[in-house]
């Protein structure tokens, strides 16, 4: 059987690793072991960050909708309940965009939701 040498695999892996950690500080960029450790932490934090981003944006949209509902004298929870009862299928992102860019249309949606609850 042929002898398998792992030098080429190691070189390729190391090159990929150093390409990923480009821009890291001091030994986290130059030393293989520390670079690998730093990369693993960075990838884990990036994964966590992608999940947190979804939560943070949903919270932002809810806050915007709630602020837009204050002049109409309706709470956020009653508004969402009214939308469900009225059968209006708009998600929170769309509702917040409506509240910012088209307040008149948002006002009509609010009146429909209020009528469905009452």
Protein backbone atom coordinates (compact mmCIF):
# COMPACT_ATOMS: atom_id res chain seq x y z
CA UNK A 1 0.00 0.00 0.00
CA UNK A 2 1.03 3.54 -0.64
CA UNK A 3 2.23 5.65 2.23
CA UNK A 4 -0.11 8.54 3.03
CA UNK A 5 1.49 11.85 3.90
CA UNK A 6 -0.57 14.50 5.63
CA UNK A 7 1.66 17.51 5.01
CA UNK A 8 -0.42 18.75 2.09
CA UNK A 9 -3.69 18.41 4.02
CA UNK A 10 -2.23 20.24 6.99
CA UNK A 11 -0.87 23.03 4.79
CA UNK A 12 -4.24 23.46 3.08
CA UNK A 13 -6.10 23.48 6.39
CA UNK A 14 -3.66 25.97 7.89
CA UNK A 15 -3.93 28.26 4.87
CA UNK A 16 -7.73 28.21 5.15
CA UNK A 17 -7.51 28.94 8.87
CA UNK A 18 -5.20 31.92 8.41
CA UNK A 19 -7.43 33.27 5.65
CA UNK A 20 -10.39 33.17 8.07
CA UNK A 21 -8.58 34.88 10.96
CA UNK A 22 -7.18 37.70 8.83
CA UNK A 23 -7.61 40.92 10.79
CA UNK A 24 -7.49 39.32 14.24
CA UNK A 25 -5.10 40.78 16.83
CA UNK A 26 -1.54 39.57 17.56
CA UNK A 27 -1.14 35.81 18.15
CA UNK A 28 -4.78 35.18 17.36
CA UNK A 29 -3.76 35.84 13.76
CA UNK A 30 -0.25 34.37 13.58
CA UNK A 31 -0.15 31.28 15.82
CA UNK A 32 -1.98 28.21 14.57
CA UNK A 33 -3.37 27.02 17.89
CA UNK A 34 -4.55 30.41 19.08
CA UNK A 35 -5.89 31.28 15.66
CA UNK A 36 -7.95 28.09 15.64
CA UNK A 37 -9.29 28.83 19.13
CA UNK A 38 -10.16 32.41 18.14
CA UNK A 39 -11.86 31.22 14.96
CA UNK A 40 -13.99 28.69 16.85
CA UNK A 41 -15.10 31.38 19.32
CA UNK A 42 -15.81 33.83 16.51
CA UNK A 43 -17.91 31.30 14.60
CA UNK A 44 -19.86 30.39 17.73
CA UNK A 45 -20.52 34.06 18.48
CA UNK A 46 -21.58 34.66 14.87
CA UNK A 47 -24.08 31.79 15.12
CA UNK A 48 -25.48 33.17 18.38
CA UNK A 49 -25.58 36.67 16.89
CA UNK A 50 -27.65 35.52 13.94
CA UNK A 51 -30.28 34.17 16.34
CA UNK A 52 -30.22 37.29 18.52
CA UNK A 53 -30.65 39.55 15.49
CA UNK A 54 -34.05 38.01 14.79
CA UNK A 55 -35.20 38.62 18.37
CA UNK A 56 -33.91 42.19 18.43
CA UNK A 57 -35.60 43.13 15.16
CA UNK A 58 -38.91 41.65 16.30
CA UNK A 59 -38.68 43.69 19.51
CA UNK A 60 -37.91 46.82 17.47
CA UNK A 61 -40.92 46.27 15.20
CA UNK A 62 -43.19 45.77 18.22
CA UNK A 63 -41.88 48.98 19.78
CA UNK A 64 -42.50 50.94 16.57
CA UNK A 65 -46.04 49.57 16.22
CA UNK A 66 -46.79 50.36 19.84
CA UNK A 67 -45.53 53.93 19.42
CA UNK A 68 -47.63 54.36 16.27
CA UNK A 69 -50.73 53.09 18.11
CA UNK A 70 -50.51 55.66 20.94
CA UNK A 71 -52.23 58.48 18.99
CA UNK A 72 -55.03 56.04 18.10
CA UNK A 73 -55.58 55.16 21.77
CA UNK A 74 -55.13 51.42 21.31
CA UNK A 75 -52.72 49.07 23.05
CA UNK A 76 -50.43 46.75 21.11
CA UNK A 77 -51.97 43.54 22.45
CA UNK A 78 -55.54 44.60 21.67
CA UNK A 79 -54.42 45.72 18.20
CA UNK A 80 -52.79 42.34 17.42
CA UNK A 81 -55.89 40.54 18.74
CA UNK A 82 -58.07 42.74 16.53
CA UNK A 83 -55.95 41.91 13.48
CA UNK A 84 -56.31 38.18 14.15
CA UNK A 85 -60.10 38.46 14.60
CA UNK A 86 -60.44 40.63 11.48
CA UNK A 87 -58.37 38.15 9.48
CA UNK A 88 -55.72 40.66 8.44
CA UNK A 89 -52.48 38.80 7.76
CA UNK A 90 -49.73 41.38 8.10
CA UNK A 91 -46.57 40.53 9.98
CA UNK A 92 -44.91 42.88 12.44
CA UNK A 93 -42.25 44.01 9.98
CA UNK A 94 -44.88 45.04 7.44
CA UNK A 95 -46.94 46.78 10.11
CA UNK A 96 -43.97 48.81 11.36
CA UNK A 97 -43.08 49.82 7.79
CA UNK A 98 -46.70 50.90 7.25
CA UNK A 99 -46.65 52.91 10.46
CA UNK A 100 -43.49 54.75 9.39
CA UNK A 101 -44.03 55.30 5.67
CA UNK A 102 -47.83 55.37 5.26
CA UNK A 103 -49.59 56.54 8.45
CA UNK A 104 -52.92 57.01 6.67
CA UNK A 105 -53.08 53.37 5.57
CA UNK A 106 -51.91 52.29 9.02
CA UNK A 107 -54.80 54.30 10.47
CA UNK A 108 -57.30 52.37 8.34
CA UNK A 109 -55.80 49.06 9.50
CA UNK A 110 -56.14 50.28 13.10
CA UNK A 111 -59.82 51.18 12.59
CA UNK A 112 -60.51 47.73 11.08
CA UNK A 113 -58.78 46.03 14.01
CA UNK A 114 -60.69 48.16 16.52
CA UNK A 115 -64.01 47.37 14.81
CA UNK A 116 -63.25 43.63 14.89
CA UNK A 117 -62.54 43.69 18.64
CA UNK A 118 -65.56 45.81 19.56
